[in-house]
């Protein structure tokens, strides 16, 4: 009977090793615990079920952009209830993720108050309005400041990933 227990134990260990080996992948490693997901070629887009919009990923973003549910944008906290941020990350050199785009949904009244405050301070709005629906305003914060030397390889790659407000608007279905 002890032989059977040993055989069962060996079989269980072998099965566990096989299962672990089957879980490995060639996907980029995520060293940052705040990063939720790396955009893979099999993914079509980001679906926000709370607000009800879908953002279709540009092809250029695959395997070099990560999505994070956070309230941080360019090292500042955004006071919002619903926000998704997309970061450029070069996995070949393991660069620090640099923010590209934030999609934020605000209640209409809150957005209107923010616009009044922004006009009082600077005369311009802080984000691009993508659309409104059901008393919600979807806005995009787009990072147009390249965090890298623009003439470097990393700077050029970052610039190719930055979307225009029109590109963001066309990639949203709501």
Protein backbone atom coordinates (compact mmCIF):
# COMPACT_ATOMS: atom_id res chain seq x y z
CA UNK A 1 0.00 0.00 0.00
CA UNK A 2 2.88 2.38 0.66
CA UNK A 3 4.04 1.80 -2.94
CA UNK A 4 0.64 3.02 -4.16
CA UNK A 5 0.90 6.17 -2.05
CA UNK A 6 4.41 6.83 -3.37
CA UNK A 7 3.22 6.22 -6.93
CA UNK A 8 0.26 8.54 -6.44
CA UNK A 9 2.51 11.21 -4.91
CA UNK A 10 4.98 10.94 -7.81
CA UNK A 11 2.12 11.13 -10.30
CA UNK A 12 0.71 14.21 -8.54
CA UNK A 13 4.12 15.93 -8.56
CA UNK A 14 4.63 15.10 -12.24
CA UNK A 15 1.15 16.42 -13.05
CA UNK A 16 1.80 19.64 -11.15
CA UNK A 17 5.11 20.16 -12.96
CA UNK A 18 3.40 19.54 -16.31
CA UNK A 19 0.66 22.03 -15.46
CA UNK A 20 3.17 24.69 -14.42
CA UNK A 21 5.23 24.15 -17.57
CA UNK A 22 2.08 24.52 -19.67
CA UNK A 23 1.34 27.88 -18.07
CA UNK A 24 4.56 29.54 -19.15
CA UNK A 25 4.41 31.89 -22.10
CA UNK A 26 6.54 34.18 -24.17
CA UNK A 27 4.50 37.23 -23.19
CA UNK A 28 6.40 40.21 -21.79
CA UNK A 29 6.96 39.98 -18.05
CA UNK A 30 5.08 42.48 -15.95
CA UNK A 31 7.37 43.72 -13.22
CA UNK A 32 5.01 46.49 -12.17
CA UNK A 33 2.16 45.11 -10.04
CA UNK A 34 -0.06 48.07 -11.00
CA UNK A 35 -0.13 47.08 -14.66
CA UNK A 36 -3.29 45.18 -15.37
CA UNK A 37 -2.74 43.86 -18.88
CA UNK A 38 -0.42 43.98 -21.85
CA UNK A 39 -2.30 44.54 -25.09
CA UNK A 40 -1.80 41.41 -27.19
CA UNK A 41 -2.44 40.90 -30.91
CA UNK A 42 -5.45 38.71 -30.10
CA UNK A 43 -7.20 41.55 -28.25
CA UNK A 44 -9.55 43.78 -30.21
CA UNK A 45 -10.04 46.49 -27.63
CA UNK A 46 -10.82 47.67 -24.13
CA UNK A 47 -14.41 47.29 -22.95
CA UNK A 48 -15.61 49.45 -20.09
CA UNK A 49 -18.69 47.69 -18.76
CA UNK A 50 -19.44 50.33 -16.13
CA UNK A 51 -19.86 53.21 -18.58
CA UNK A 52 -20.57 51.01 -21.60
CA UNK A 53 -17.99 52.04 -24.19
CA UNK A 54 -15.45 50.09 -26.20
CA UNK A 55 -12.07 51.44 -27.28
CA UNK A 56 -10.67 49.59 -30.30
CA UNK A 57 -6.90 49.27 -30.03
CA UNK A 58 -4.76 50.62 -32.85
CA UNK A 59 -2.66 47.86 -34.41
CA UNK A 60 0.52 49.74 -33.50
CA UNK A 61 -0.29 49.33 -29.80
CA UNK A 62 -0.06 45.55 -29.74
CA UNK A 63 2.67 44.17 -27.47
CA UNK A 64 3.98 47.65 -26.57
CA UNK A 65 1.09 49.23 -24.68
CA UNK A 66 -0.26 48.27 -21.28
CA UNK A 67 -3.62 49.16 -19.77
CA UNK A 68 -4.04 50.06 -16.13
CA UNK A 69 -7.13 50.95 -14.14
CA UNK A 70 -5.84 53.83 -12.05
CA UNK A 71 -6.61 57.42 -11.13
CA UNK A 72 -3.05 58.62 -11.81
CA UNK A 73 -2.23 60.58 -14.95
CA UNK A 74 1.25 62.03 -15.49
CA UNK A 75 2.00 61.77 -11.76
CA UNK A 76 -1.20 63.60 -10.78
CA UNK A 77 -4.40 62.21 -9.34
CA UNK A 78 -7.51 62.67 -11.47
CA UNK A 79 -10.68 62.99 -9.42
CA UNK A 80 -12.93 60.66 -11.40
CA UNK A 81 -15.06 57.64 -10.73
CA UNK A 82 -14.08 55.71 -13.84
CA UNK A 83 -10.71 55.86 -15.58
CA UNK A 84 -8.47 53.65 -17.75
CA UNK A 85 -4.92 54.65 -18.63
CA UNK A 86 -2.84 53.26 -21.47
CA UNK A 87 0.96 53.32 -21.24
CA UNK A 88 3.72 52.80 -23.80
CA UNK A 89 6.37 50.31 -22.64
CA UNK A 90 9.36 49.06 -24.60
CA UNK A 91 9.91 45.50 -23.38
CA UNK A 92 13.15 45.05 -25.32
CA UNK A 93 14.92 47.48 -22.98
CA UNK A 94 12.43 47.14 -20.11
CA UNK A 95 11.58 50.84 -20.13
CA UNK A 96 9.41 52.46 -17.50
CA UNK A 97 5.81 52.72 -18.77
CA UNK A 98 5.03 56.22 -20.10
CA UNK A 99 1.40 57.40 -20.20
CA UNK A 100 -0.13 57.73 -23.67
CA UNK A 101 -3.86 58.10 -23.14
CA UNK A 102 -6.39 58.24 -20.32
CA UNK A 103 -10.09 57.65 -20.91
CA UNK A 104 -12.19 59.17 -18.15
CA UNK A 105 -15.95 59.26 -17.64
CA UNK A 106 -17.45 62.10 -15.61
CA UNK A 107 -21.05 62.82 -14.67
CA UNK A 108 -22.22 65.74 -16.83
CA UNK A 109 -22.68 68.10 -13.88
CA UNK A 110 -19.19 67.35 -12.54
CA UNK A 111 -17.68 67.90 -16.02
CA UNK A 112 -19.50 71.23 -16.36
CA UNK A 113 -18.12 72.38 -13.00
CA UNK A 114 -14.62 71.33 -14.03
CA UNK A 115 -14.94 73.32 -17.24
CA UNK A 116 -16.03 76.43 -15.36
CA UNK A 117 -13.03 76.10 -13.02
CA UNK A 118 -10.63 75.50 -15.93
CA UNK A 119 -11.93 78.57 -17.79
CA UNK A 120 -11.44 80.66 -14.66
CA UNK A 121 -7.79 79.52 -14.44
CA UNK A 122 -6.55 79.23 -18.00
CA UNK A 123 -9.32 79.72 -20.55
CA UNK A 124 -9.05 76.21 -22.00
CA UNK A 125 -10.47 72.79 -21.30
CA UNK A 126 -8.20 70.14 -19.73
CA UNK A 127 -9.24 67.24 -22.01
CA UNK A 128 -10.84 66.27 -25.31
CA UNK A 129 -14.55 65.39 -25.16
CA UNK A 130 -15.06 62.11 -26.97
CA UNK A 131 -18.78 61.78 -26.42
CA UNK A 132 -21.72 62.12 -24.06
CA UNK A 133 -24.36 59.56 -23.18
CA UNK A 134 -26.80 59.01 -20.30
CA UNK A 135 -25.56 62.03 -18.32
CA UNK A 136 -21.93 60.84 -18.70
CA UNK A 137 -19.12 62.67 -20.49
CA UNK A 138 -16.26 60.57 -21.87
CA UNK A 139 -13.04 62.54 -22.20
CA UNK A 140 -9.54 61.66 -23.36
CA UNK A 141 -6.34 62.98 -21.86
CA UNK A 142 -3.64 62.58 -24.50
CA UNK A 143 0.03 62.83 -23.62
CA UNK A 144 1.55 65.04 -26.31
CA UNK A 145 4.73 65.60 -24.30
CA UNK A 146 7.24 62.95 -25.34
CA UNK A 147 8.99 61.77 -22.14
CA UNK A 148 12.01 60.65 -24.16
CA UNK A 149 14.47 62.46 -26.40
CA UNK A 150 12.41 62.90 -29.60
CA UNK A 151 15.38 62.00 -31.82
CA UNK A 152 16.09 58.74 -29.94
CA UNK A 153 14.67 55.36 -30.93
CA UNK A 154 12.51 55.31 -27.79
CA UNK A 155 11.26 58.84 -28.47
CA UNK A 156 10.34 57.98 -32.05
CA UNK A 157 8.57 54.80 -30.96
CA UNK A 158 6.62 56.69 -28.30
CA UNK A 159 5.57 59.34 -30.85
CA UNK A 160 4.22 56.64 -33.20
CA UNK A 161 1.90 55.44 -30.43
CA UNK A 162 0.37 58.84 -29.59
CA UNK A 163 -3.15 59.22 -30.98
CA UNK A 164 -4.87 62.39 -32.10
CA UNK A 165 -8.23 63.32 -30.53
CA UNK A 166 -9.90 62.34 -33.82
CA UNK A 167 -8.23 58.91 -33.79
CA UNK A 168 -9.42 58.33 -30.24
CA UNK A 169 -12.94 59.45 -31.12
CA UNK A 170 -13.01 57.10 -34.13
CA UNK A 171 -11.78 54.20 -32.00
CA UNK A 172 -14.60 54.58 -29.45
CA UNK A 173 -17.99 52.98 -29.83
CA UNK A 174 -20.52 53.99 -27.25
